[in-house]
Amino acid sequence: MIIIPQSMAYATLANLDPVYGLYASFIPVAIAAFFGSSRYLATGPVAMVSLLTAVAVSSLSLGDSTLYVPIAVTLALSVGIFQITLSLAKAGRLVDVVLKENVILGFTSAAALIIASSQLSKIFGLSKVSLSDLLHINTFLDSAPINLYAILMSLVALIILYVLKNKLTRYQFLGNIAVLIAVVVTILLSKNYNYNGPIVGSIPDGLPSFSFQGFNLDSNLIFMFVVHTIIISFVGFMEAIAIARQLEQKEAVKNSKGVELYKYPTPVNSNQELFGQGLGNIASSMSGAYPVSGSFSRSAVNESVGSYSPISSITTTLIVMLTLFYATPLLYDLPKSTLGVIVIFAVVPLIKVGKMRELFFNDRAKGMVCWITFFSTLLFPILSIEIFSGINTHIWTGIFFGFLLSLIIEKK
């Protein structure tokens, strides 16, 4: 109920068609769950990795949008191979050393802000808006005026999500399926009331081709391809293992006599989880999709409804398969503005300015690194400084910069 609309929204965030989100929600979900170590972790498309994928495909394609899918597919394969290599080398704990918590906090807060702002074009029914368009906003709006239908539909979706998740908290089930309800309601409104805003349109039905779609990478871009692979591998796994460890702390359900209703023999293991995530990414590549990771929202729902084993993720795979076979025509009238609202609603809680401020007052060195990482992640895409021939700074530069600063400042 959650992964289908979320995955479609995240695929558009990755500069891909919505169907690729469904492909990434199919086989990879079961593979990562089966070979990982967490009982709750739900793998699939996530906002942060989708944004990093968008940055990668846009920079590596050199403006050729026909290369977006082949690059994304190849990236999923390289991320999977890299993660499995790290797992076999017993390097799971390396993530804790390489990616400091304060650097991740600054990076994710800034990235979430970038993700949310990137969806505003869907909210207003506009084509993708670039920085140059904002500098010449009057000319841009003359050629692509704001769509009032899209704004109204965005408000409907936003109200549904907000009320069900934040006001009707006593009805947890409604909160869990809030995304699905928003999708169903806006589809019905779009279909029955002459909605004139942008819609998802036709989605190919049937299973993915399960064949690797490679491409010839320009030799000058190999270095950047490796950089994107490393960034997505580490950030994606950091997100997954953080979720798995957090949910691991939950106590097992007990019966009236105090006896645990289930036993789970193995705790979360970094290397095993890294192996599962790597296989999940390879499976995503073979499904013609893009890199995946662990989702906090879907994992939390897994835990809250009593999913005690990876069977829940295997069930998800079967339901996505049925959707690909029979339900894609039902998604034809889904407003794109709804997808934008779903993404915004998912990432806004990741903007933790209060926590960053608290960190700064408690530990000046770590807080300073956190804030500098935050601002550099925001500024580097805007400045787009050429650091090598044809290689410009982007969002990934912020986390590199933050890591280097943490090595310099925190060791003084």
Protein backbone atom coordinates (compact mmCIF):
# COMPACT_ATOMS: atom_id res chain seq x y z
CA MET A 1 0.00 0.00 0.00
CA ILE A 2 2.90 2.35 0.67
CA ILE A 3 5.68 1.17 -1.62
CA ILE A 4 3.70 1.35 -4.88
CA PRO A 5 2.87 5.10 -4.80
CA GLN A 6 6.14 5.95 -3.01
CA SER A 7 8.29 4.09 -5.51
CA MET A 8 6.62 5.83 -8.45
CA ALA A 9 7.21 9.21 -6.81
CA TYR A 10 10.85 8.42 -6.05
CA ALA A 11 11.47 7.24 -9.61
CA THR A 12 10.43 10.66 -10.92
CA LEU A 13 12.81 12.18 -8.36
CA ALA A 14 15.57 10.06 -9.98
CA ASN A 15 14.67 11.57 -13.40
CA LEU A 16 13.12 8.26 -14.51
CA ASP A 17 9.59 7.25 -15.49
CA PRO A 18 7.36 6.01 -12.60
CA VAL A 19 7.40 2.40 -13.83
CA TYR A 20 11.09 2.08 -12.94
CA GLY A 21 10.14 2.67 -9.32
CA LEU A 22 7.79 -0.33 -9.56
CA TYR A 23 10.59 -2.42 -11.07
CA ALA A 24 12.87 -1.44 -8.17
CA SER A 25 10.09 -2.48 -5.76
CA PHE A 26 9.79 -5.97 -7.18
CA ILE A 27 12.63 -8.53 -6.97
CA PRO A 28 15.13 -6.31 -5.03
CA VAL A 29 12.75 -6.12 -2.06
CA ALA A 30 12.67 -9.89 -1.53
CA ILE A 31 16.36 -10.48 -2.33
CA ALA A 32 17.63 -7.87 0.14
CA ALA A 33 15.29 -9.13 2.86
CA PHE A 34 16.18 -12.78 2.32
CA PHE A 35 19.96 -12.25 2.43
CA GLY A 36 20.06 -9.41 4.97
CA SER A 37 20.02 -9.72 8.76
CA SER A 38 17.21 -7.38 9.84
CA ARG A 39 13.72 -8.73 10.48
CA TYR A 40 12.12 -5.36 9.73
CA LEU A 41 14.22 -3.59 7.09
CA ALA A 42 12.17 -2.86 3.96
CA THR A 43 14.38 -2.28 0.91
CA GLY A 44 13.37 -0.45 -2.26
CA PRO A 45 13.42 3.05 -3.76
CA VAL A 46 14.19 5.79 -1.21
CA ALA A 47 14.35 9.56 -1.53
CA MET A 48 18.05 10.12 -0.76
CA VAL A 49 19.38 7.46 -3.15
CA SER A 50 16.88 8.61 -5.81
CA LEU A 51 18.25 12.16 -5.60
CA LEU A 52 21.85 10.91 -5.80
CA THR A 53 20.84 8.80 -8.82
CA ALA A 54 19.32 11.87 -10.47
CA VAL A 55 22.56 13.79 -9.95
CA ALA A 56 24.56 10.88 -11.39
CA VAL A 57 22.46 10.30 -14.51
CA SER A 58 22.20 14.01 -15.32
CA SER A 59 25.97 14.57 -15.02
CA LEU A 60 27.11 11.34 -16.71
CA SER A 61 24.67 11.55 -19.63
CA LEU A 62 26.00 14.96 -20.75
CA GLY A 63 22.45 16.11 -21.44
CA ASP A 64 21.33 13.03 -23.40
CA SER A 65 18.13 11.92 -21.62
CA THR A 66 18.03 8.66 -23.59
CA LEU A 67 21.01 7.53 -21.50
CA TYR A 68 19.28 8.08 -18.14
CA VAL A 69 17.91 4.54 -17.83
CA PRO A 70 21.07 2.70 -19.02
CA ILE A 71 23.22 4.79 -16.66
CA ALA A 72 20.85 4.20 -13.72
CA VAL A 73 20.81 0.44 -14.42
CA THR A 74 24.62 0.27 -14.67
CA LEU A 75 24.91 2.34 -11.51
CA ALA A 76 22.71 -0.15 -9.61
CA LEU A 77 24.99 -2.98 -10.76
CA SER A 78 28.19 -1.16 -9.76
CA VAL A 79 26.74 -0.19 -6.37
CA GLY A 80 25.71 -3.80 -5.76
CA ILE A 81 29.12 -5.18 -6.70
CA PHE A 82 30.89 -2.59 -4.55
CA GLN A 83 28.69 -3.33 -1.52
CA ILE A 84 29.17 -7.10 -1.86
CA THR A 85 32.93 -6.58 -2.17
CA LEU A 86 32.91 -4.54 1.05
CA SER A 87 30.84 -7.25 2.73
CA LEU A 88 33.20 -10.04 1.71
CA ALA A 89 36.11 -7.93 2.96
CA LYS A 90 34.29 -7.63 6.33
CA ALA A 91 34.21 -3.86 5.91
CA GLY A 92 30.70 -3.27 7.24
CA ARG A 93 32.02 -1.37 10.26
CA LEU A 94 34.01 0.88 7.92
CA VAL A 95 30.83 2.86 7.31
CA ASP A 96 30.85 4.06 10.91
CA VAL A 97 34.40 5.35 10.42
CA VAL A 98 33.97 6.87 6.95
CA LEU A 99 30.62 8.55 7.47
CA LYS A 100 30.41 10.47 10.72
CA GLU A 101 26.94 10.92 12.22
CA ASN A 102 27.25 14.72 12.30
CA VAL A 103 28.32 14.81 8.63
CA ILE A 104 25.34 12.62 7.68
CA LEU A 105 23.01 14.87 9.72
CA GLY A 106 24.11 18.00 7.85
CA PHE A 107 24.09 16.26 4.49
CA THR A 108 20.66 14.61 4.83
CA SER A 109 19.04 17.82 6.13
CA ALA A 110 20.34 19.79 3.14
CA ALA A 111 19.56 17.00 0.67
CA ALA A 112 16.01 16.71 2.03
CA LEU A 113 15.58 20.46 1.53
CA ILE A 114 16.82 20.12 -2.06
CA ILE A 115 14.51 17.14 -2.66
CA ALA A 116 11.48 19.03 -1.31
CA SER A 117 12.21 22.13 -3.40
CA SER A 118 12.70 19.99 -6.52
CA GLN A 119 9.10 18.81 -6.23
CA LEU A 120 7.60 22.30 -6.26
CA SER A 121 7.39 22.20 -10.05
CA LYS A 122 4.98 19.24 -9.76
CA ILE A 123 2.94 21.08 -7.11
CA PHE A 124 2.47 24.04 -9.46
CA GLY A 125 1.97 21.89 -12.56
CA LEU A 126 5.13 23.16 -14.25
CA SER A 127 7.83 21.44 -16.21
CA LYS A 128 11.13 20.91 -14.40
CA VAL A 129 12.38 24.29 -13.15
CA SER A 130 16.09 25.09 -13.25
CA LEU A 131 18.01 27.85 -11.49
CA SER A 132 18.22 29.83 -14.74
CA ASP A 133 14.41 29.68 -15.01
CA LEU A 134 14.11 31.22 -11.53
CA LEU A 135 16.43 34.04 -12.57
CA HIS A 136 14.07 34.80 -15.48
CA ILE A 137 10.82 33.81 -13.76
CA ASN A 138 8.50 36.15 -15.68
CA THR A 139 9.64 34.83 -19.05
CA PHE A 140 9.40 31.26 -17.78
CA LEU A 141 5.85 31.68 -16.44
CA ASP A 142 4.74 33.26 -19.71
CA SER A 143 5.80 30.11 -21.56
CA ALA A 144 4.65 27.70 -18.82
CA PRO A 145 1.94 29.25 -16.61
CA ILE A 146 1.08 27.84 -13.16
CA ASN A 147 -1.65 25.18 -13.30
CA LEU A 148 -4.39 25.85 -10.74
CA TYR A 149 -5.73 22.30 -11.08
CA ALA A 150 -2.36 20.93 -9.97
CA ILE A 151 -2.26 23.28 -6.97
CA LEU A 152 -5.76 22.25 -5.86
CA MET A 153 -4.94 18.55 -6.22
CA SER A 154 -1.73 19.08 -4.25
CA LEU A 155 -3.74 20.65 -1.44
CA VAL A 156 -6.16 17.71 -1.42
CA ALA A 157 -3.29 15.19 -1.18
CA LEU A 158 -1.50 17.28 1.47
CA ILE A 159 -4.61 17.57 3.65
CA ILE A 160 -5.26 13.81 3.44
CA LEU A 161 -1.67 12.94 4.39
CA TYR A 162 -1.50 15.51 7.18
CA VAL A 163 -4.85 14.61 8.79
CA LEU A 164 -4.39 10.83 8.61
CA LYS A 165 -0.77 10.86 9.83
CA ASN A 166 -0.82 13.68 12.37
CA LYS A 167 -4.40 14.17 13.59
CA LEU A 168 -6.03 10.74 13.59
CA THR A 169 -3.12 9.15 15.44
CA ARG A 170 -5.39 6.81 17.40
CA TYR A 171 -6.18 5.02 14.14
CA GLN A 172 -2.70 3.76 13.27
CA PHE A 173 -3.91 1.72 10.32
CA LEU A 174 -5.20 4.86 8.58
CA GLY A 175 -1.82 6.49 9.11
CA ASN A 176 -0.09 3.49 7.56
CA ILE A 177 -2.22 3.62 4.41
CA ALA A 178 -2.45 7.42 4.20
CA VAL A 179 -0.30 7.49 1.04
CA LEU A 180 -2.54 4.95 -0.67
CA ILE A 181 -5.68 6.86 0.33
CA ALA A 182 -4.24 10.09 -1.08
CA VAL A 183 -3.44 8.30 -4.33
CA VAL A 184 -6.90 6.71 -4.65
CA VAL A 185 -8.78 9.93 -3.84
CA THR A 186 -6.78 12.08 -6.25
CA ILE A 187 -7.09 9.47 -9.02
CA LEU A 188 -10.89 9.46 -8.59
CA LEU A 189 -11.01 13.26 -8.61
CA SER A 190 -8.76 13.41 -11.64
CA LYS A 191 -10.82 10.86 -13.55
CA ASN A 192 -14.30 12.13 -12.71
CA TYR A 193 -13.94 15.91 -12.59
CA ASN A 194 -12.12 16.86 -15.81
CA TYR A 195 -8.75 17.42 -14.19
CA ASN A 196 -6.54 19.44 -16.52
CA GLY A 197 -3.21 19.14 -14.74
CA PRO A 198 -0.27 16.85 -15.57
CA ILE A 199 -0.95 13.14 -14.96
CA VAL A 200 1.26 10.03 -14.89
CA GLY A 201 -0.34 8.63 -18.06
CA SER A 202 0.27 5.21 -19.53
CA ILE A 203 2.46 2.84 -17.49
CA PRO A 204 3.75 -0.32 -19.24
CA ASP A 205 2.22 -3.45 -17.75
CA GLY A 206 3.94 -6.78 -17.23
CA LEU A 207 7.22 -7.71 -15.60
CA PRO A 208 10.58 -6.08 -16.36
CA SER A 209 12.76 -7.69 -19.02
CA PHE A 210 15.36 -9.03 -16.53
CA SER A 211 18.22 -8.17 -18.87
CA PHE A 212 21.15 -5.87 -18.21
CA GLN A 213 20.96 -2.58 -20.13
CA GLY A 214 24.55 -1.43 -20.37
CA PHE A 215 25.98 1.60 -22.16
CA ASN A 216 29.34 2.86 -23.36
CA LEU A 217 30.74 5.29 -20.82
CA ASP A 218 33.01 8.05 -22.05
CA SER A 219 36.53 7.39 -20.74
CA ASN A 220 36.66 10.93 -19.33
CA LEU A 221 33.67 10.15 -17.10
CA ILE A 222 34.88 6.86 -15.60
CA PHE A 223 36.31 8.63 -12.54
CA MET A 224 33.00 10.38 -11.87
CA PHE A 225 31.08 7.13 -12.35
CA VAL A 226 33.26 5.56 -9.65
CA VAL A 227 32.69 8.58 -7.38
CA HIS A 228 28.91 8.31 -7.77
CA THR A 229 29.08 4.56 -7.12
CA ILE A 230 31.00 5.07 -3.87
CA ILE A 231 28.74 7.89 -2.66
CA ILE A 232 25.49 5.99 -3.36
CA SER A 233 26.92 2.79 -1.86
CA PHE A 234 27.96 4.39 1.42
CA VAL A 235 25.02 6.79 1.85
CA GLY A 236 22.50 4.12 0.87
CA PHE A 237 23.97 1.57 3.25
CA MET A 238 24.36 4.11 6.05
CA GLU A 239 20.63 4.83 5.79
CA ALA A 240 19.76 1.12 5.73
CA ILE A 241 21.94 0.04 8.66
CA ALA A 242 20.83 3.01 10.80
CA ILE A 243 17.19 1.99 10.32
CA ALA A 244 17.92 -1.69 10.96
CA ARG A 245 19.78 -0.93 14.20
CA GLN A 246 17.11 1.45 15.44
CA LEU A 247 14.31 -1.09 14.90
CA GLU A 248 16.44 -3.88 16.36
CA GLN A 249 16.01 -2.26 19.77
CA LYS A 250 12.29 -3.02 19.76
CA GLU A 251 11.30 -5.69 22.26
CA ALA A 252 9.65 -8.89 21.06
CA VAL A 253 5.90 -9.18 21.63
CA LYS A 254 5.02 -11.32 24.65
CA ASN A 255 1.88 -13.23 25.56
CA SER A 256 -0.08 -12.89 28.80
CA LYS A 257 2.41 -15.15 30.59
CA GLY A 258 5.38 -13.03 29.57
CA VAL A 259 6.69 -15.52 27.01
CA GLU A 260 8.05 -14.06 23.76
CA LEU A 261 5.82 -14.95 20.82
CA TYR A 262 8.76 -15.32 18.45
CA LYS A 263 12.50 -15.75 18.49
CA TYR A 264 14.93 -14.18 16.07
CA PRO A 265 18.28 -15.97 16.26
CA THR A 266 20.62 -13.37 14.81
CA PRO A 267 20.98 -9.65 15.62
CA VAL A 268 21.57 -7.06 12.89
CA ASN A 269 24.98 -7.70 11.37
CA SER A 270 26.62 -4.91 9.34
CA ASN A 271 28.46 -7.22 6.93
CA GLN A 272 25.42 -9.45 6.37
CA GLU A 273 23.21 -6.42 5.79
CA LEU A 274 25.78 -4.99 3.39
CA PHE A 275 25.70 -8.29 1.49
CA GLY A 276 21.89 -8.23 1.32
CA GLN A 277 21.82 -4.62 0.12
CA GLY A 278 24.45 -5.43 -2.51
CA LEU A 279 22.43 -8.35 -3.87
CA GLY A 280 19.32 -6.17 -3.80
CA ASN A 281 21.04 -3.57 -5.97
CA ILE A 282 22.26 -6.21 -8.43
CA ALA A 283 18.70 -7.57 -8.60
CA SER A 284 17.46 -4.02 -9.23
CA SER A 285 19.95 -3.68 -12.09
CA MET A 286 18.80 -6.98 -13.61
CA SER A 287 15.21 -5.74 -13.28
CA GLY A 288 16.08 -2.70 -15.38
CA ALA A 289 15.81 -0.36 -12.41
CA TYR A 290 18.06 1.90 -10.33
CA PRO A 291 19.88 1.76 -6.93
CA VAL A 292 17.83 0.91 -3.83
CA SER A 293 18.27 1.10 -0.05
CA GLY A 294 16.38 0.64 3.21
CA SER A 295 13.30 2.79 3.73
CA PHE A 296 12.62 4.19 7.20
CA SER A 297 8.88 4.76 6.68
CA ARG A 298 8.19 1.31 5.21
CA SER A 299 10.46 -0.43 7.75
CA ALA A 300 8.68 1.34 10.61
CA VAL A 301 5.34 0.14 9.26
CA ASN A 302 6.76 -3.40 9.04
CA GLU A 303 7.64 -3.22 12.72
CA SER A 304 4.39 -1.59 13.82
CA VAL A 305 2.11 -4.16 12.18
CA GLY A 306 4.01 -7.14 13.52
CA SER A 307 6.12 -8.30 10.59
CA TYR A 308 8.57 -10.60 12.35
CA SER A 309 10.47 -11.94 9.36
CA PRO A 310 11.51 -11.23 5.74
CA ILE A 311 8.30 -12.96 4.63
CA SER A 312 6.65 -9.51 4.79
CA SER A 313 9.03 -8.24 2.09
CA ILE A 314 8.44 -11.36 -0.01
CA THR A 315 4.70 -10.68 0.28
CA THR A 316 5.36 -7.12 -0.89
CA THR A 317 7.15 -8.52 -3.95
CA LEU A 318 4.12 -10.66 -4.84
CA ILE A 319 1.72 -7.72 -4.51
CA VAL A 320 3.94 -5.49 -6.68
CA MET A 321 4.02 -8.31 -9.25
CA LEU A 322 0.21 -8.41 -9.33
CA THR A 323 0.19 -4.63 -9.69
CA LEU A 324 2.54 -4.79 -12.68
CA PHE A 325 0.35 -7.46 -14.30
CA TYR A 326 -3.11 -6.06 -13.67
CA ALA A 327 -3.23 -2.65 -11.97
CA THR A 328 -1.09 -0.26 -14.02
CA PRO A 329 -4.11 1.03 -16.04
CA LEU A 330 -5.67 2.16 -12.75
CA LEU A 331 -2.72 4.53 -12.24
CA TYR A 332 -3.17 6.31 -15.59
CA ASP A 333 -5.05 9.31 -14.12
CA LEU A 334 -2.77 9.75 -11.09
CA PRO A 335 -1.85 13.47 -10.88
CA LYS A 336 1.88 14.15 -10.88
CA SER A 337 1.23 16.75 -8.20
CA THR A 338 0.22 13.91 -5.85
CA LEU A 339 3.60 12.27 -6.41
CA GLY A 340 5.28 15.57 -5.58
CA VAL A 341 3.35 15.87 -2.32
CA ILE A 342 4.22 12.26 -1.38
CA VAL A 343 7.94 12.99 -1.80
CA ILE A 344 7.78 16.28 0.12
CA PHE A 345 5.80 14.72 2.97
CA ALA A 346 8.34 11.88 3.19
CA VAL A 347 11.49 14.03 3.30
CA VAL A 348 10.47 17.05 5.39
CA PRO A 349 11.01 15.12 8.68
CA LEU A 350 14.62 14.59 7.55
CA ILE A 351 15.30 18.35 7.79
CA LYS A 352 16.53 18.39 11.41
CA VAL A 353 17.61 21.98 11.95
CA GLY A 354 16.73 21.77 15.65
CA LYS A 355 18.97 18.75 16.16
CA MET A 356 21.79 20.49 14.25
CA ARG A 357 21.44 23.56 16.46
CA GLU A 358 21.47 21.41 19.60
CA LEU A 359 24.60 19.60 18.39
CA PHE A 360 26.38 22.91 17.81
CA PHE A 361 25.78 24.06 21.41
CA ASN A 362 26.74 20.67 22.88
CA ASP A 363 29.86 20.08 20.77
CA ARG A 364 31.18 23.08 18.85
CA ALA A 365 33.59 21.08 16.65
CA LYS A 366 31.05 18.49 15.52
CA GLY A 367 28.32 21.12 15.27
CA MET A 368 30.48 23.33 13.08
CA VAL A 369 31.25 20.44 10.73
CA CYS A 370 27.54 19.60 10.60
CA TRP A 371 26.48 23.14 9.68
CA ILE A 372 29.27 23.61 7.15
CA THR A 373 28.29 20.31 5.53
CA PHE A 374 24.68 21.52 5.43
CA PHE A 375 25.46 24.83 3.72
CA SER A 376 28.09 23.37 1.38
CA THR A 377 25.61 20.70 0.21
CA LEU A 378 23.18 23.51 -0.65
CA LEU A 379 25.75 25.83 -2.25
CA PHE A 380 27.88 23.47 -4.34
CA PRO A 381 25.03 22.59 -6.80
CA ILE A 382 24.28 26.31 -7.21
CA LEU A 383 27.92 27.34 -7.72
CA SER A 384 28.68 24.32 -9.96
CA ILE A 385 32.45 24.81 -9.72
CA GLU A 386 34.54 22.85 -12.23
CA ILE A 387 37.00 20.79 -10.17
CA PHE A 388 38.26 18.64 -13.04
CA SER A 389 37.80 18.88 -16.79
CA GLY A 390 34.04 18.49 -17.32
CA ILE A 391 33.46 17.56 -13.65
CA ASN A 392 31.44 20.07 -11.64
CA THR A 393 30.56 20.22 -7.97
CA HIS A 394 27.10 19.02 -6.99
CA ILE A 395 25.27 17.63 -3.95
CA TRP A 396 27.80 14.80 -3.57
CA THR A 397 30.57 17.36 -3.02
CA GLY A 398 28.97 18.42 0.26
CA ILE A 399 29.44 15.03 1.93
CA PHE A 400 33.06 14.77 0.73
CA PHE A 401 33.75 18.26 2.01
CA GLY A 402 32.08 17.49 5.35
CA PHE A 403 34.09 14.29 5.78
CA LEU A 404 37.39 16.07 5.13
CA LEU A 405 36.44 18.82 7.57
CA SER A 406 35.58 16.25 10.25
CA LEU A 407 39.05 14.74 9.85
CA ILE A 408 40.73 18.15 10.16
CA ILE A 409 38.62 19.95 12.78
CA GLU A 410 37.58 17.14 15.13
CA LYS A 411 41.16 15.86 15.49
CA LYS A 412 42.51 19.21 16.67
